[in-house]
């Protein structure tokens, strides 16, 4: 019965076949339009996702650079303090 969703069995058996075909073809056309629209939306979403992934990758690389830079600066600052403490 799932094939004839929206129609009662007696309508399918007794109804005008051309009318049923017309109705079903219209519904199929609407379904195809909906699927096409969803496909276009998915393309846009995937494109946006790729852009965001690229941006996240760049941000992660920048964070690593800043962490390395901060580590170098901390070592430069910590170095003289350690020698001053040892000297006293």
C-alpha atoms as a PDB file:
ATOM      1  CA  UNK A   1       0.000   0.000   0.000  1.00  0.00           C
ATOM      2  CA  UNK A   2       2.985   2.313   0.469  1.00  0.00           C
ATOM      3  CA  UNK A   3       3.292   2.718  -3.279  1.00  0.00           C
ATOM      4  CA  UNK A   4      -0.156   4.266  -3.460  1.00  0.00           C
ATOM      5  CA  UNK A   5       0.210   6.515  -0.441  1.00  0.00           C
ATOM      6  CA  UNK A   6      -2.578   9.060  -0.460  1.00  0.00           C
ATOM      7  CA  UNK A   7      -4.883   6.844  -2.525  1.00  0.00           C
ATOM      8  CA  UNK A   8      -7.304   4.240  -1.279  1.00  0.00           C
ATOM      9  CA  UNK A   9      -7.092   0.892  -2.994  1.00  0.00           C
ATOM     10  CA  UNK A  10     -10.609   1.240  -4.401  1.00  0.00           C
ATOM     11  CA  UNK A  11      -9.628   4.616  -5.940  1.00  0.00           C
ATOM     12  CA  UNK A  12      -6.646   3.000  -7.621  1.00  0.00           C
ATOM     13  CA  UNK A  13      -8.686   0.095  -8.960  1.00  0.00           C
ATOM     14  CA  UNK A  14     -11.774   2.061  -9.960  1.00  0.00           C
ATOM     15  CA  UNK A  15     -10.339   5.474 -10.736  1.00  0.00           C
ATOM     16  CA  UNK A  16      -9.432   6.951 -14.059  1.00  0.00           C
ATOM     17  CA  UNK A  17      -5.922   5.721 -14.764  1.00  0.00           C
ATOM     18  CA  UNK A  18      -4.973   8.891 -16.612  1.00  0.00           C
ATOM     19  CA  UNK A  19      -5.996  10.995 -13.634  1.00  0.00           C
ATOM     20  CA  UNK A  20      -3.916   8.846 -11.297  1.00  0.00           C
ATOM     21  CA  UNK A  21      -0.943   9.009 -13.650  1.00  0.00           C
ATOM     22  CA  UNK A  22      -1.283  12.800 -13.892  1.00  0.00           C
ATOM     23  CA  UNK A  23      -1.452  13.217 -10.120  1.00  0.00           C
ATOM     24  CA  UNK A  24       1.475  10.888  -9.541  1.00  0.00           C
ATOM     25  CA  UNK A  25       3.569  12.552 -12.227  1.00  0.00           C
ATOM     26  CA  UNK A  26       2.902  15.968 -10.669  1.00  0.00           C
ATOM     27  CA  UNK A  27       3.928  14.635  -7.271  1.00  0.00           C
ATOM     28  CA  UNK A  28       7.056  13.108  -8.783  1.00  0.00           C
ATOM     29  CA  UNK A  29       7.932  16.436 -10.392  1.00  0.00           C
ATOM     30  CA  UNK A  30       7.526  18.206  -7.028  1.00  0.00           C
ATOM     31  CA  UNK A  31       9.690  15.573  -5.352  1.00  0.00           C
ATOM     32  CA  UNK A  32      12.381  16.006  -8.005  1.00  0.00           C
ATOM     33  CA  UNK A  33      12.320  19.780  -7.511  1.00  0.00           C
ATOM     34  CA  UNK A  34      12.671  19.340  -3.755  1.00  0.00           C
ATOM     35  CA  UNK A  35      15.587  16.943  -4.219  1.00  0.00           C
ATOM     36  CA  UNK A  36      17.284  19.337  -6.625  1.00  0.00           C
ATOM     37  CA  UNK A  37      16.895  22.167  -4.125  1.00  0.00           C
ATOM     38  CA  UNK A  38      18.311  20.019  -1.339  1.00  0.00           C
ATOM     39  CA  UNK A  39      21.228  19.070  -3.573  1.00  0.00           C
ATOM     40  CA  UNK A  40      22.033  22.732  -4.213  1.00  0.00           C
ATOM     41  CA  UNK A  41      21.795  23.499  -0.496  1.00  0.00           C
ATOM     42  CA  UNK A  42      24.149  20.617   0.270  1.00  0.00           C
ATOM     43  CA  UNK A  43      26.680  21.973  -2.234  1.00  0.00           C
ATOM     44  CA  UNK A  44      26.572  25.383  -0.529  1.00  0.00           C
ATOM     45  CA  UNK A  45      26.890  23.815   2.918  1.00  0.00           C
ATOM     46  CA  UNK A  46      29.838  21.661   1.835  1.00  0.00           C
ATOM     47  CA  UNK A  47      31.559  24.673   0.271  1.00  0.00           C
ATOM     48  CA  UNK A  48      31.062  26.692   3.463  1.00  0.00           C
ATOM     49  CA  UNK A  49      32.302  23.760   5.557  1.00  0.00           C
ATOM     50  CA  UNK A  50      35.481  23.517   3.473  1.00  0.00           C
ATOM     51  CA  UNK A  51      36.070  27.250   3.877  1.00  0.00           C
ATOM     52  CA  UNK A  52      35.628  26.963   7.641  1.00  0.00           C
ATOM     53  CA  UNK A  53      37.944  23.951   7.820  1.00  0.00           C
ATOM     54  CA  UNK A  54      40.597  25.888   5.899  1.00  0.00           C
ATOM     55  CA  UNK A  55      40.178  28.838   8.230  1.00  0.00           C
ATOM     56  CA  UNK A  56      40.406  26.617  11.310  1.00  0.00           C
ATOM     57  CA  UNK A  57      43.575  25.053   9.914  1.00  0.00           C
ATOM     58  CA  UNK A  58      45.111  28.490   9.389  1.00  0.00           C
ATOM     59  CA  UNK A  59      44.103  29.557  12.886  1.00  0.00           C
ATOM     60  CA  UNK A  60      45.615  26.403  14.392  1.00  0.00           C
ATOM     61  CA  UNK A  61      48.866  27.040  12.530  1.00  0.00           C
ATOM     62  CA  UNK A  62      48.892  30.642  13.762  1.00  0.00           C
ATOM     63  CA  UNK A  63      48.254  29.494  17.344  1.00  0.00           C
ATOM     64  CA  UNK A  64      51.189  27.080  17.100  1.00  0.00           C
ATOM     65  CA  UNK A  65      53.402  29.887  15.787  1.00  0.00           C
ATOM     66  CA  UNK A  66      52.354  32.142  18.653  1.00  0.00           C
ATOM     67  CA  UNK A  67      52.925  29.368  21.198  1.00  0.00           C
ATOM     68  CA  UNK A  68      56.424  28.795  19.818  1.00  0.00           C
ATOM     69  CA  UNK A  69      57.088  32.522  19.920  1.00  0.00           C
ATOM     70  CA  UNK A  70      55.781  32.746  23.477  1.00  0.00           C
ATOM     71  CA  UNK A  71      57.974  29.793  24.466  1.00  0.00           C
ATOM     72  CA  UNK A  72      61.062  31.508  22.999  1.00  0.00           C
ATOM     73  CA  UNK A  73      60.223  34.765  24.782  1.00  0.00           C
ATOM     74  CA  UNK A  74      59.592  32.944  28.087  1.00  0.00           C
ATOM     75  CA  UNK A  75      62.916  31.168  27.757  1.00  0.00           C
ATOM     76  CA  UNK A  76      64.682  34.466  27.034  1.00  0.00           C
ATOM     77  CA  UNK A  77      63.037  36.122  30.035  1.00  0.00           C
ATOM     78  CA  UNK A  78      63.487  33.092  32.313  1.00  0.00           C
ATOM     79  CA  UNK A  79      67.155  32.665  31.408  1.00  0.00           C
ATOM     80  CA  UNK A  80      68.527  35.856  33.068  1.00  0.00           C
ATOM     81  CA  UNK A  81      66.289  35.406  36.121  1.00  0.00           C
ATOM     82  CA  UNK A  82      67.650  31.917  36.706  1.00  0.00           C
ATOM     83  CA  UNK A  83      71.243  33.175  36.496  1.00  0.00           C
ATOM     84  CA  UNK A  84      70.452  36.070  38.864  1.00  0.00           C
ATOM     85  CA  UNK A  85      68.934  33.705  41.424  1.00  0.00           C
ATOM     86  CA  UNK A  86      71.928  31.380  41.187  1.00  0.00           C
ATOM     87  CA  UNK A  87      74.361  34.223  41.597  1.00  0.00           C
ATOM     88  CA  UNK A  88      72.866  35.399  44.909  1.00  0.00           C
END
